[in-house]
Amino acid sequence: MDTLFHTQTLLIIAAGAIATYFTRVGGYIFITRMKRIPPRAEAALNAVPAAVLTTLVAPAAITGGFDVSITMAIAFVLGLRIGLLPMLAAGWIVVMTLRHFIG
Protein backbone atom coordinates (compact mmCIF):
# COMPACT_ATOMS: atom_id res chain seq x y z
CA MET A 1 0.00 0.00 0.00
CA ASP A 2 1.35 3.41 -0.98
CA THR A 3 1.61 6.01 1.70
CA LEU A 4 0.49 9.57 1.15
CA PHE A 5 3.97 10.99 1.80
CA HIS A 6 7.29 9.27 1.34
CA THR A 7 9.96 9.92 3.96
CA GLN A 8 12.56 10.88 1.36
CA THR A 9 10.19 13.39 -0.26
CA LEU A 10 9.40 14.99 3.09
CA LEU A 11 13.12 15.23 3.93
CA ILE A 12 13.84 16.93 0.60
CA ILE A 13 11.01 19.43 1.15
CA ALA A 14 12.19 20.13 4.72
CA ALA A 15 15.81 20.60 3.60
CA GLY A 16 14.70 22.98 0.86
CA ALA A 17 12.57 24.96 3.31
CA ILE A 18 15.42 25.21 5.83
CA ALA A 19 17.92 26.24 3.16
CA THR A 20 15.52 28.88 1.83
CA TYR A 21 14.84 30.23 5.31
CA PHE A 22 18.51 30.55 6.27
CA THR A 23 19.40 32.07 2.90
CA ARG A 24 16.75 34.76 3.28
CA VAL A 25 17.50 35.47 6.95
CA GLY A 26 21.25 35.49 6.30
CA GLY A 27 20.85 37.90 3.41
CA TYR A 28 18.64 40.18 5.50
CA ILE A 29 21.11 40.21 8.39
CA PHE A 30 24.02 40.78 6.02
CA ILE A 31 22.35 43.73 4.27
CA THR A 32 21.04 45.36 7.47
CA ARG A 33 24.50 45.34 9.06
CA MET A 34 26.01 47.28 6.17
CA LYS A 35 26.13 51.04 6.52
CA ARG A 36 26.18 51.46 2.74
CA ILE A 37 25.54 48.89 0.03
CA PRO A 38 28.45 48.74 -2.44
CA PRO A 39 27.54 49.55 -6.06
CA ARG A 40 28.42 46.04 -7.27
CA ALA A 41 26.20 44.43 -4.62
CA GLU A 42 23.37 46.80 -5.53
CA ALA A 43 23.77 45.94 -9.21
CA ALA A 44 23.69 42.22 -8.36
CA LEU A 45 20.53 42.66 -6.29
CA ASN A 46 18.90 44.62 -9.12
CA ALA A 47 19.65 41.76 -11.52
CA VAL A 48 17.92 39.09 -9.41
CA PRO A 49 14.35 39.57 -10.76
CA ALA A 50 15.51 39.25 -14.37
CA ALA A 51 17.54 36.16 -13.52
CA VAL A 52 14.60 34.50 -11.77
CA LEU A 53 12.26 35.32 -14.63
CA THR A 54 14.73 33.89 -17.12
CA THR A 55 15.00 30.61 -15.20
CA LEU A 56 11.22 30.29 -15.26
CA VAL A 57 10.65 31.25 -18.89
CA ALA A 58 13.64 29.73 -20.72
CA PRO A 59 12.77 26.03 -20.18
CA ALA A 60 9.20 26.58 -21.35
CA ALA A 61 10.41 28.47 -24.42
CA ILE A 62 12.76 25.65 -25.38
CA THR A 63 10.65 22.59 -24.56
CA GLY A 64 7.13 24.05 -24.72
CA GLY A 65 6.58 23.53 -28.40
CA PHE A 66 5.89 25.78 -31.36
CA ASP A 67 2.83 27.45 -29.85
CA VAL A 68 4.61 28.41 -26.63
CA SER A 69 7.71 29.71 -28.42
CA ILE A 70 5.63 31.87 -30.77
CA THR A 71 3.53 33.16 -27.87
CA MET A 72 6.61 34.08 -25.83
CA ALA A 73 8.11 35.95 -28.76
CA ILE A 74 4.87 37.89 -29.26
CA ALA A 75 4.56 38.56 -25.51
CA PHE A 76 8.15 39.83 -25.44
CA VAL A 77 7.47 42.33 -28.22
CA LEU A 78 4.17 43.37 -26.63
CA GLY A 79 5.87 43.73 -23.26
CA LEU A 80 8.07 46.43 -24.72
CA ARG A 81 5.02 48.39 -25.88
CA ILE A 82 2.15 47.78 -23.45
CA GLY A 83 1.60 47.05 -19.75
CA LEU A 84 1.92 43.74 -17.94
CA LEU A 85 -1.75 42.79 -17.68
CA PRO A 86 -2.63 43.45 -21.35
CA MET A 87 0.52 41.56 -22.36
CA LEU A 88 -0.51 38.54 -20.27
CA ALA A 89 -4.03 38.65 -21.72
CA ALA A 90 -2.68 38.88 -25.27
CA GLY A 91 -0.27 36.01 -24.62
CA TRP A 92 -3.07 33.86 -23.27
CA ILE A 93 -5.24 34.63 -26.30
CA VAL A 94 -2.39 33.85 -28.71
CA VAL A 95 -1.45 30.53 -27.11
CA MET A 96 -5.08 29.39 -26.87
CA THR A 97 -5.71 30.34 -30.50
CA LEU A 98 -2.57 28.53 -31.67
CA ARG A 99 -3.45 25.44 -29.65
CA HIS A 100 -6.95 25.43 -31.09
CA PHE A 101 -5.82 25.66 -34.72
CA ILE A 102 -2.51 23.76 -34.57
CA GLY A 103 -3.13 20.92 -32.22
PDB file of N, CA and C in Angstrom:
ATOM      1  N   MET A   1       0.842  -1.183   0.000  1.00  0.00           N
ATOM      2  CA  MET A   1       0.000   0.000   0.000  1.00  0.00           C
ATOM      3  C   MET A   1       0.886   1.245   0.000  1.00  0.00           C
ATOM      4  N   ASP A   2       0.593   2.166  -0.911  1.00  0.00           N
ATOM      5  CA  ASP A   2       1.352   3.415  -0.982  1.00  0.00           C
ATOM      6  C   ASP A   2       0.923   4.361   0.127  1.00  0.00           C
ATOM      7  N   THR A   3       1.922   5.003   0.688  1.00  0.00           N
ATOM      8  CA  THR A   3       1.606   6.012   1.698  1.00  0.00           C
ATOM      9  C   THR A   3       1.405   7.356   1.009  1.00  0.00           C
ATOM     10  N   LEU A   4       0.762   8.261   1.718  1.00  0.00           N
ATOM     11  CA  LEU A   4       0.487   9.570   1.147  1.00  0.00           C
ATOM     12  C   LEU A   4       1.772  10.359   0.931  1.00  0.00           C
ATOM     13  N   PHE A   5       2.689  10.281   1.898  1.00  0.00           N
ATOM     14  CA  PHE A   5       3.968  10.987   1.803  1.00  0.00           C
ATOM     15  C   PHE A   5       5.108  10.000   2.011  1.00  0.00           C
ATOM     16  N   HIS A   6       6.100  10.087   1.165  1.00  0.00           N
ATOM     17  CA  HIS A   6       7.289   9.272   1.337  1.00  0.00           C
ATOM     18  C   HIS A   6       8.273  10.022   2.210  1.00  0.00           C
ATOM     19  N   THR A   7       9.007   9.306   3.038  1.00  0.00           N
ATOM     20  CA  THR A   7       9.955   9.920   3.958  1.00  0.00           C
ATOM     21  C   THR A   7      11.009  10.727   3.209  1.00  0.00           C
ATOM     22  N   GLN A   8      11.523  10.183   2.125  1.00  0.00           N
ATOM     23  CA  GLN A   8      12.555  10.882   1.361  1.00  0.00           C
ATOM     24  C   GLN A   8      12.012  12.196   0.780  1.00  0.00           C
ATOM     25  N   THR A   9      10.794  12.178   0.293  1.00  0.00           N
ATOM     26  CA  THR A   9      10.189  13.389  -0.256  1.00  0.00           C
ATOM     27  C   THR A   9      10.021  14.448   0.827  1.00  0.00           C
ATOM     28  N   LEU A  10       9.557  14.042   1.994  1.00  0.00           N
ATOM     29  CA  LEU A  10       9.403  14.990   3.091  1.00  0.00           C
ATOM     30  C   LEU A  10      10.737  15.567   3.539  1.00  0.00           C
ATOM     31  N   LEU A  11      11.789  14.743   3.552  1.00  0.00           N
ATOM     32  CA  LEU A  11      13.119  15.229   3.931  1.00  0.00           C
ATOM     33  C   LEU A  11      13.647  16.239   2.913  1.00  0.00           C
ATOM     34  N   ILE A  12      13.401  15.997   1.641  1.00  0.00           N
ATOM     35  CA  ILE A  12      13.842  16.931   0.596  1.00  0.00           C
ATOM     36  C   ILE A  12      13.096  18.259   0.734  1.00  0.00           C
ATOM     37  N   ILE A  13      11.799  18.209   0.969  1.00  0.00           N
ATOM     38  CA  ILE A  13      11.014  19.428   1.153  1.00  0.00           C
ATOM     39  C   ILE A  13      11.484  20.189   2.387  1.00  0.00           C
ATOM     40  N   ALA A  14      11.718  19.481   3.485  1.00  0.00           N
ATOM     41  CA  ALA A  14      12.187  20.131   4.718  1.00  0.00           C
ATOM     42  C   ALA A  14      13.564  20.757   4.517  1.00  0.00           C
ATOM     43  N   ALA A  15      14.468  20.051   3.849  1.00  0.00           N
ATOM     44  CA  ALA A  15      15.810  20.597   3.603  1.00  0.00           C
ATOM     45  C   ALA A  15      15.733  21.837   2.720  1.00  0.00           C
ATOM     46  N   GLY A  16      14.881  21.814   1.716  1.00  0.00           N
ATOM     47  CA  GLY A  16      14.704  22.984   0.855  1.00  0.00           C
ATOM     48  C   GLY A  16      14.130  24.163   1.626  1.00  0.00           C
ATOM     49  N   ALA A  17      13.170  23.895   2.501  1.00  0.00           N
ATOM     50  CA  ALA A  17      12.569  24.963   3.312  1.00  0.00           C
ATOM     51  C   ALA A  17      13.595  25.561   4.268  1.00  0.00           C
ATOM     52  N   ILE A  18      14.390  24.722   4.904  1.00  0.00           N
ATOM     53  CA  ILE A  18      15.417  25.206   5.833  1.00  0.00           C
ATOM     54  C   ILE A  18      16.474  26.018   5.093  1.00  0.00           C
ATOM     55  N   ALA A  19      16.915  25.513   3.950  1.00  0.00           N
ATOM     56  CA  ALA A  19      17.920  26.243   3.165  1.00  0.00           C
ATOM     57  C   ALA A  19      17.373  27.594   2.697  1.00  0.00           C
ATOM     58  N   THR A  20      16.129  27.626   2.267  1.00  0.00           N
ATOM     59  CA  THR A  20      15.522  28.882   1.834  1.00  0.00           C
ATOM     60  C   THR A  20      15.410  29.867   2.994  1.00  0.00           C
ATOM     61  N   TYR A  21      14.985  29.375   4.141  1.00  0.00           N
ATOM     62  CA  TYR A  21      14.838  30.230   5.313  1.00  0.00           C
ATOM     63  C   TYR A  21      16.182  30.852   5.698  1.00  0.00           C
ATOM     64  N   PHE A  22      17.207  30.026   5.839  1.00  0.00           N
ATOM     65  CA  PHE A  22      18.508  30.545   6.269  1.00  0.00           C
ATOM     66  C   PHE A  22      19.142  31.451   5.216  1.00  0.00           C
ATOM     67  N   THR A  23      18.889  31.190   3.954  1.00  0.00           N
ATOM     68  CA  THR A  23      19.398  32.069   2.901  1.00  0.00           C
ATOM     69  C   THR A  23      18.751  33.447   3.001  1.00  0.00           C
ATOM     70  N   ARG A  24      17.454  33.472   3.185  1.00  0.00           N
ATOM     71  CA  ARG A  24      16.752  34.759   3.285  1.00  0.00           C
ATOM     72  C   ARG A  24      17.126  35.509   4.558  1.00  0.00           C
ATOM     73  N   VAL A  25      17.145  34.813   5.686  1.00  0.00           N
ATOM     74  CA  VAL A  25      17.497  35.465   6.947  1.00  0.00           C
ATOM     75  C   VAL A  25      18.948  35.940   6.908  1.00  0.00           C
ATOM     76  N   GLY A  26      19.840  35.110   6.393  1.00  0.00           N
ATOM     77  CA  GLY A  26      21.250  35.493   6.299  1.00  0.00           C
ATOM     78  C   GLY A  26      21.454  36.703   5.411  1.00  0.00           C
ATOM     79  N   GLY A  27      20.758  36.743   4.295  1.00  0.00           N
ATOM     80  CA  GLY A  27      20.846  37.905   3.411  1.00  0.00           C
ATOM     81  C   GLY A  27      20.311  39.161   4.066  1.00  0.00           C
ATOM     82  N   TYR A  28      19.218  39.022   4.794  1.00  0.00           N
ATOM     83  CA  TYR A  28      18.638  40.177   5.496  1.00  0.00           C
ATOM     84  C   TYR A  28      19.613  40.692   6.551  1.00  0.00           C
ATOM     85  N   ILE A  29      20.164  39.805   7.345  1.00  0.00           N
ATOM     86  CA  ILE A  29      21.109  40.211   8.386  1.00  0.00           C
ATOM     87  C   ILE A  29      22.345  40.843   7.765  1.00  0.00           C
ATOM     88  N   PHE A  30      22.840  40.247   6.694  1.00  0.00           N
ATOM     89  CA  PHE A  30      24.024  40.779   6.020  1.00  0.00           C
ATOM     90  C   PHE A  30      23.782  42.198   5.497  1.00  0.00           C
ATOM     91  N   ILE A  31      22.654  42.420   4.856  1.00  0.00           N
ATOM     92  CA  ILE A  31      22.348  43.728   4.274  1.00  0.00           C
ATOM     93  C   ILE A  31      22.078  44.764   5.365  1.00  0.00           C
ATOM     94  N   THR A  32      21.365  44.392   6.428  1.00  0.00           N
ATOM     95  CA  THR A  32      21.041  45.364   7.467  1.00  0.00           C
ATOM     96  C   THR A  32      22.262  45.792   8.277  1.00  0.00           C
ATOM     97  N   ARG A  33      23.293  44.982   8.315  1.00  0.00           N
ATOM     98  CA  ARG A  33      24.499  45.345   9.063  1.00  0.00           C
ATOM     99  C   ARG A  33      25.431  46.250   8.256  1.00  0.00           C
ATOM    100  N   MET A  34      25.175  46.404   6.998  1.00  0.00           N
ATOM    101  CA  MET A  34      26.007  47.276   6.168  1.00  0.00           C
ATOM    102  C   MET A  34      25.541  48.721   6.336  1.00  0.00           C
ATOM    103  N   LYS A  35      26.480  49.615   6.441  1.00  0.00           N
ATOM    104  CA  LYS A  35      26.133  51.039   6.519  1.00  0.00           C
ATOM    105  C   LYS A  35      25.757  51.557   5.137  1.00  0.00           C
ATOM    106  N   ARG A  36      26.444  51.051   4.123  1.00  0.00           N
ATOM    107  CA  ARG A  36      26.175  51.462   2.742  1.00  0.00           C
ATOM    108  C   ARG A  36      26.378  50.243   1.851  1.00  0.00           C
ATOM    109  N   ILE A  37      25.435  50.031   0.938  1.00  0.00           N
ATOM    110  CA  ILE A  37      25.540  48.893   0.026  1.00  0.00           C
ATOM    111  C   ILE A  37      26.492  49.268  -1.108  1.00  0.00           C
ATOM    112  N   PRO A  38      27.526  48.445  -1.340  1.00  0.00           N
ATOM    113  CA  PRO A  38      28.450  48.739  -2.442  1.00  0.00           C
ATOM    114  C   PRO A  38      27.734  48.704  -3.791  1.00  0.00           C
ATOM    115  N   PRO A  39      28.204  49.501  -4.752  1.00  0.00           N
ATOM    116  CA  PRO A  39      27.536  49.552  -6.058  1.00  0.00           C
ATOM    117  C   PRO A  39      27.454  48.192  -6.749  1.00  0.00           C
ATOM    118  N   ARG A  40      28.472  47.366  -6.625  1.00  0.00           N
ATOM    119  CA  ARG A  40      28.424  46.039  -7.265  1.00  0.00           C
ATOM    120  C   ARG A  40      27.366  45.158  -6.625  1.00  0.00           C
ATOM    121  N   ALA A  41      27.238  45.217  -5.307  1.00  0.00           N
ATOM    122  CA  ALA A  41      26.199  44.435  -4.623  1.00  0.00           C
ATOM    123  C   ALA A  41      24.814  44.923  -5.012  1.00  0.00           C
ATOM    124  N   GLU A  42      24.652  46.244  -5.116  1.00  0.00           N
ATOM    125  CA  GLU A  42      23.366  46.798  -5.525  1.00  0.00           C
ATOM    126  C   GLU A  42      23.013  46.380  -6.951  1.00  0.00           C
ATOM    127  N   ALA A  43      24.009  46.379  -7.828  1.00  0.00           N
ATOM    128  CA  ALA A  43      23.774  45.937  -9.209  1.00  0.00           C
ATOM    129  C   ALA A  43      23.384  44.463  -9.245  1.00  0.00           C
ATOM    130  N   ALA A  44      24.028  43.652  -8.422  1.00  0.00           N
ATOM    131  CA  ALA A  44      23.685  42.223  -8.365  1.00  0.00           C
ATOM    132  C   ALA A  44      22.267  42.026  -7.850  1.00  0.00           C
ATOM    133  N   LEU A  45      21.884  42.771  -6.825  1.00  0.00           N
ATOM    134  CA  LEU A  45      20.526  42.662  -6.292  1.00  0.00           C
ATOM    135  C   LEU A  45      19.486  43.138  -7.302  1.00  0.00           C
ATOM    136  N   ASN A  46      19.822  44.143  -8.084  1.00  0.00           N
ATOM    137  CA  ASN A  46      18.896  44.625  -9.116  1.00  0.00           C
ATOM    138  C   ASN A  46      18.733  43.623 -10.253  1.00  0.00           C
ATOM    139  N   ALA A  47      19.719  42.748 -10.443  1.00  0.00           N
ATOM    140  CA  ALA A  47      19.654  41.763 -11.525  1.00  0.00           C
ATOM    141  C   ALA A  47      18.880  40.504 -11.136  1.00  0.00           C
ATOM    142  N   VAL A  48      18.580  40.323  -9.870  1.00  0.00           N
ATOM    143  CA  VAL A  48      17.921  39.094  -9.413  1.00  0.00           C
ATOM    144  C   VAL A  48      16.554  38.871 -10.065  1.00  0.00           C
ATOM    145  N   PRO A  49      15.652  39.855 -10.140  1.00  0.00           N
ATOM    146  CA  PRO A  49      14.348  39.572 -10.760  1.00  0.00           C
ATOM    147  C   PRO A  49      14.454  39.094 -12.212  1.00  0.00           C
ATOM    148  N   ALA A  50      15.343  39.686 -12.981  1.00  0.00           N
ATOM    149  CA  ALA A  50      15.509  39.250 -14.372  1.00  0.00           C
ATOM    150  C   ALA A  50      16.062  37.837 -14.433  1.00  0.00           C
ATOM    151  N   ALA A  51      16.970  37.506 -13.538  1.00  0.00           N
ATOM    152  CA  ALA A  51      17.544  36.158 -13.523  1.00  0.00           C
ATOM    153  C   ALA A  51      16.496  35.115 -13.144  1.00  0.00           C
ATOM    154  N   VAL A  52      15.665  35.430 -12.171  1.00  0.00           N
ATOM    155  CA  VAL A  52      14.604  34.498 -11.766  1.00  0.00           C
ATOM    156  C   VAL A  52      13.598  34.321 -12.889  1.00  0.00           C
ATOM    157  N   LEU A  53      13.199  35.410 -13.521  1.00  0.00           N
ATOM    158  CA  LEU A  53      12.256  35.321 -14.631  1.00  0.00           C
ATOM    159  C   LEU A  53      12.824  34.486 -15.780  1.00  0.00           C
ATOM    160  N   THR A  54      14.091  34.661 -16.056  1.00  0.00           N
ATOM    161  CA  THR A  54      14.730  33.885 -17.124  1.00  0.00           C
ATOM    162  C   THR A  54      14.722  32.398 -16.803  1.00  0.00           C
ATOM    163  N   THR A  55      14.999  32.032 -15.551  1.00  0.00           N
ATOM    164  CA  THR A  55      15.001  30.614 -15.195  1.00  0.00           C
ATOM    165  C   THR A  55      13.614  30.002 -15.264  1.00  0.00           C
ATOM    166  N   LEU A  56      12.581  30.810 -15.147  1.00  0.00           N
ATOM    167  CA  LEU A  56      11.219  30.292 -15.259  1.00  0.00           C
ATOM    168  C   LEU A  56      10.747  30.202 -16.703  1.00  0.00           C
ATOM    169  N   VAL A  57      11.161  31.158 -17.527  1.00  0.00           N
ATOM    170  CA  VAL A  57      10.651  31.252 -18.887  1.00  0.00           C
ATOM    171  C   VAL A  57      11.468  30.426 -19.880  1.00  0.00           C
ATOM    172  N   ALA A  58      12.771  30.381 -19.733  1.00  0.00           N
ATOM    173  CA  ALA A  58      13.638  29.729 -20.719  1.00  0.00           C
ATOM    174  C   ALA A  58      13.301  28.252 -20.948  1.00  0.00           C
ATOM    175  N   PRO A  59      13.114  27.442 -19.912  1.00  0.00           N
ATOM    176  CA  PRO A  59      12.774  26.031 -20.181  1.00  0.00           C
ATOM    177  C   PRO A  59      11.471  25.862 -20.951  1.00  0.00           C
ATOM    178  N   ALA A  60      10.471  26.678 -20.628  1.00  0.00           N
ATOM    179  CA  ALA A  60       9.196  26.581 -21.350  1.00  0.00           C
ATOM    180  C   ALA A  60       9.359  27.010 -22.801  1.00  0.00           C
ATOM    181  N   ALA A  61      10.192  28.013 -23.052  1.00  0.00           N
ATOM    182  CA  ALA A  61      10.406  28.469 -24.425  1.00  0.00           C
ATOM    183  C   ALA A  61      11.109  27.409 -25.259  1.00  0.00           C
ATOM    184  N   ILE A  62      11.987  26.651 -24.634  1.00  0.00           N
ATOM    185  CA  ILE A  62      12.761  25.648 -25.378  1.00  0.00           C
ATOM    186  C   ILE A  62      11.978  24.355 -25.550  1.00  0.00           C
ATOM    187  N   THR A  63      11.314  23.892 -24.505  1.00  0.00           N
ATOM    188  CA  THR A  63      10.648  22.591 -24.556  1.00  0.00           C
ATOM    189  C   THR A  63       9.138  22.681 -24.705  1.00  0.00           C
ATOM    190  N   GLY A  64       8.577  23.898 -24.711  1.00  0.00           N
ATOM    191  CA  GLY A  64       7.129  24.054 -24.723  1.00  0.00           C
ATOM    192  C   GLY A  64       6.453  23.792 -26.043  1.00  0.00           C
ATOM    193  N   GLY A  65       7.200  23.742 -27.110  1.00  0.00           N
ATOM    194  CA  GLY A  65       6.583  23.526 -28.403  1.00  0.00           C
ATOM    195  C   GLY A  65       6.468  24.811 -29.202  1.00  0.00           C
ATOM    196  N   PHE A  66       5.997  24.667 -30.424  1.00  0.00           N
ATOM    197  CA  PHE A  66       5.887  25.779 -31.363  1.00  0.00           C
ATOM    198  C   PHE A  66       4.962  26.866 -30.842  1.00  0.00           C
ATOM    199  N   ASP A  67       3.807  26.468 -30.314  1.00  0.00           N
ATOM    200  CA  ASP A  67       2.829  27.449 -29.846  1.00  0.00           C
ATOM    201  C   ASP A  67       3.360  28.295 -28.691  1.00  0.00           C
ATOM    202  N   VAL A  68       4.066  27.677 -27.769  1.00  0.00           N
ATOM    203  CA  VAL A  68       4.608  28.410 -26.626  1.00  0.00           C
ATOM    204  C   VAL A  68       5.733  29.339 -27.068  1.00  0.00           C
ATOM    205  N   SER A  69       6.602  28.867 -27.947  1.00  0.00           N
ATOM    206  CA  SER A  69       7.707  29.710 -28.424  1.00  0.00           C
ATOM    207  C   SER A  69       7.197  30.938 -29.167  1.00  0.00           C
ATOM    208  N   ILE A  70       6.214  30.744 -30.039  1.00  0.00           N
ATOM    209  CA  ILE A  70       5.633  31.869 -30.774  1.00  0.00           C
ATOM    210  C   ILE A  70       4.961  32.840 -29.807  1.00  0.00           C
ATOM    211  N   THR A  71       4.215  32.306 -28.845  1.00  0.00           N
ATOM    212  CA  THR A  71       3.533  33.159 -27.875  1.00  0.00           C
ATOM    213  C   THR A  71       4.531  33.966 -27.050  1.00  0.00           C
ATOM    214  N   MET A  72       5.613  33.355 -26.627  1.00  0.00           N
ATOM    215  CA  MET A  72       6.611  34.076 -25.834  1.00  0.00           C
ATOM    216  C   MET A  72       7.286  35.176 -26.647  1.00  0.00           C
ATOM    217  N   ALA A  73       7.524  34.917 -27.915  1.00  0.00           N
ATOM    218  CA  ALA A  73       8.110  35.954 -28.763  1.00  0.00           C
ATOM    219  C   ALA A  73       7.148  37.130 -28.916  1.00  0.00           C
ATOM    220  N   ILE A  74       5.867  36.828 -29.125  1.00  0.00           N
ATOM    221  CA  ILE A  74       4.869  37.890 -29.256  1.00  0.00           C
ATOM    222  C   ILE A  74       4.715  38.645 -27.939  1.00  0.00           C
ATOM    223  N   ALA A  75       4.694  37.915 -26.815  1.00  0.00           N
ATOM    224  CA  ALA A  75       4.565  38.560 -25.507  1.00  0.00           C
ATOM    225  C   ALA A  75       5.778  39.443 -25.212  1.00  0.00           C
ATOM    226  N   PHE A  76       6.954  39.018 -25.639  1.00  0.00           N
ATOM    227  CA  PHE A  76       8.155  39.834 -25.442  1.00  0.00           C
ATOM    228  C   PHE A  76       8.025  41.167 -26.172  1.00  0.00           C
ATOM    229  N   VAL A  77       7.615  41.102 -27.430  1.00  0.00           N
ATOM    230  CA  VAL A  77       7.469  42.328 -28.219  1.00  0.00           C
ATOM    231  C   VAL A  77       6.364  43.210 -27.620  1.00  0.00           C
ATOM    232  N   LEU A  78       5.250  42.599 -27.242  1.00  0.00           N
ATOM    233  CA  LEU A  78       4.167  43.365 -26.632  1.00  0.00           C
ATOM    234  C   LEU A  78       4.587  43.961 -25.293  1.00  0.00           C
ATOM    235  N   GLY A  79       5.410  43.244 -24.545  1.00  0.00           N
ATOM    236  CA  GLY A  79       5.867  43.734 -23.257  1.00  0.00           C
ATOM    237  C   GLY A  79       6.706  44.989 -23.362  1.00  0.00           C
ATOM    238  N   LEU A  80       7.311  45.200 -24.510  1.00  0.00           N
ATOM    239  CA  LEU A  80       8.075  46.426 -24.725  1.00  0.00           C
ATOM    240  C   LEU A  80       7.172  47.614 -25.021  1.00  0.00           C
ATOM    241  N   ARG A  81       5.929  47.332 -25.432  1.00  0.00           N
ATOM    242  CA  ARG A  81       5.020  48.395 -25.878  1.00  0.00           C
ATOM    243  C   ARG A  81       3.859  48.662 -24.926  1.00  0.00           C
ATOM    244  N   ILE A  82       3.351  47.621 -24.276  1.00  0.00           N
ATOM    245  CA  ILE A  82       2.146  47.781 -23.451  1.00  0.00           C
ATOM    246  C   ILE A  82       2.432  47.305 -22.024  1.00  0.00           C
ATOM    247  N   GLY A  83       1.455  47.435 -21.153  1.00  0.00           N
ATOM    248  CA  GLY A  83       1.600  47.054 -19.754  1.00  0.00           C
ATOM    249  C   GLY A  83       1.577  45.552 -19.547  1.00  0.00           C
ATOM    250  N   LEU A  84       1.811  45.151 -18.291  1.00  0.00           N
ATOM    251  CA  LEU A  84       1.921  43.737 -17.944  1.00  0.00           C
ATOM    252  C   LEU A  84       0.608  42.983 -18.135  1.00  0.00           C
ATOM    253  N   LEU A  85      -0.476  43.504 -17.607  1.00  0.00           N
ATOM    254  CA  LEU A  85      -1.753  42.794 -17.679  1.00  0.00           C
ATOM    255  C   LEU A  85      -2.263  42.627 -19.111  1.00  0.00           C
ATOM    256  N   PRO A  86      -2.231  43.669 -19.951  1.00  0.00           N
ATOM    257  CA  PRO A  86      -2.629  43.455 -21.346  1.00  0.00           C
ATOM    258  C   PRO A  86      -1.703  42.477 -22.078  1.00  0.00           C
ATOM    259  N   MET A  87      -0.412  42.497 -21.729  1.00  0.00           N
ATOM    260  CA  MET A  87       0.523  41.562 -22.359  1.00  0.00           C
ATOM    261  C   MET A  87       0.180  40.124 -21.979  1.00  0.00           C
ATOM    262  N   LEU A  88      -0.132  39.892 -20.702  1.00  0.00           N
ATOM    263  CA  LEU A  88      -0.512  38.542 -20.270  1.00  0.00           C
ATOM    264  C   LEU A  88      -1.800  38.088 -20.946  1.00  0.00           C
ATOM    265  N   ALA A  89      -2.764  38.985 -21.056  1.00  0.00           N
ATOM    266  CA  ALA A  89      -4.027  38.647 -21.718  1.00  0.00           C
ATOM    267  C   ALA A  89      -3.789  38.326 -23.194  1.00  0.00           C
ATOM    268  N   ALA A  90      -2.978  39.129 -23.846  1.00  0.00           N
ATOM    269  CA  ALA A  90      -2.681  38.881 -25.266  1.00  0.00           C
ATOM    270  C   ALA A  90      -1.936  37.565 -25.434  1.00  0.00           C
ATOM    271  N   GLY A  91      -0.995  37.287 -24.553  1.00  0.00           N
ATOM    272  CA  GLY A  91      -0.268  36.013 -24.620  1.00  0.00           C
ATOM    273  C   GLY A  91      -1.189  34.828 -24.437  1.00  0.00           C
ATOM    274  N   TRP A  92      -2.118  34.935 -23.493  1.00  0.00           N
ATOM    275  CA  TRP A  92      -3.071  33.858 -23.268  1.00  0.00           C
ATOM    276  C   TRP A  92      -3.942  33.645 -24.499  1.00  0.00           C
ATOM    277  N   ILE A  93      -4.403  34.732 -25.097  1.00  0.00           N
ATOM    278  CA  ILE A  93      -5.237  34.631 -26.299  1.00  0.00           C
ATOM    279  C   ILE A  93      -4.457  33.990 -27.445  1.00  0.00           C
ATOM    280  N   VAL A  94      -3.212  34.403 -27.621  1.00  0.00           N
ATOM    281  CA  VAL A  94      -2.392  33.854 -28.711  1.00  0.00           C
ATOM    282  C   VAL A  94      -2.155  32.366 -28.513  1.00  0.00           C
ATOM    283  N   VAL A  95      -1.753  31.950 -27.312  1.00  0.00           N
ATOM    284  CA  VAL A  95      -1.451  30.533 -27.106  1.00  0.00           C
ATOM    285  C   VAL A  95      -2.712  29.676 -27.229  1.00  0.00           C
ATOM    286  N   MET A  96      -3.847  30.164 -26.741  1.00  0.00           N
ATOM    287  CA  MET A  96      -5.076  29.393 -26.871  1.00  0.00           C
ATOM    288  C   MET A  96      -5.522  29.291 -28.331  1.00  0.00           C
ATOM    289  N   THR A  97      -5.357  30.360 -29.088  1.00  0.00           N
ATOM    290  CA  THR A  97      -5.705  30.340 -30.504  1.00  0.00           C
ATOM    291  C   THR A  97      -4.800  29.368 -31.262  1.00  0.00           C
ATOM    292  N   LEU A  98      -3.506  29.445 -31.009  1.00  0.00           N
ATOM    293  CA  LEU A  98      -2.567  28.528 -31.670  1.00  0.00           C
ATOM    294  C   LEU A  98      -2.861  27.079 -31.307  1.00  0.00           C
ATOM    295  N   ARG A  99      -3.156  26.809 -30.055  1.00  0.00           N
ATOM    296  CA  ARG A  99      -3.448  25.438 -29.648  1.00  0.00           C
ATOM    297  C   ARG A  99      -4.753  24.940 -30.264  1.00  0.00           C
ATOM    298  N   HIS A 100      -5.694  25.829 -30.479  1.00  0.00           N
ATOM    299  CA  HIS A 100      -6.952  25.432 -31.093  1.00  0.00           C
ATOM    300  C   HIS A 100      -6.756  25.069 -32.567  1.00  0.00           C
ATOM    301  N   PHE A 101      -5.976  25.886 -33.277  1.00  0.00           N
ATOM    302  CA  PHE A 101      -5.824  25.659 -34.720  1.00  0.00           C
ATOM    303  C   PHE A 101      -4.688  24.715 -35.076  1.00  0.00           C
ATOM    304  N   ILE A 102      -3.655  24.637 -34.247  1.00  0.00           N
ATOM    305  CA  ILE A 102      -2.513  23.762 -34.572  1.00  0.00           C
ATOM    306  C   ILE A 102      -2.705  22.373 -34.017  1.00  0.00           C
ATOM    307  N   GLY A 103      -3.085  22.261 -32.782  1.00  0.00           N
ATOM    308  CA  GLY A 103      -3.128  20.917 -32.221  1.00  0.00           C
ATOM    309  C   GLY A 103      -4.102  20.822 -31.163  1.00  0.00           C
TER     310      GLY A 103
END
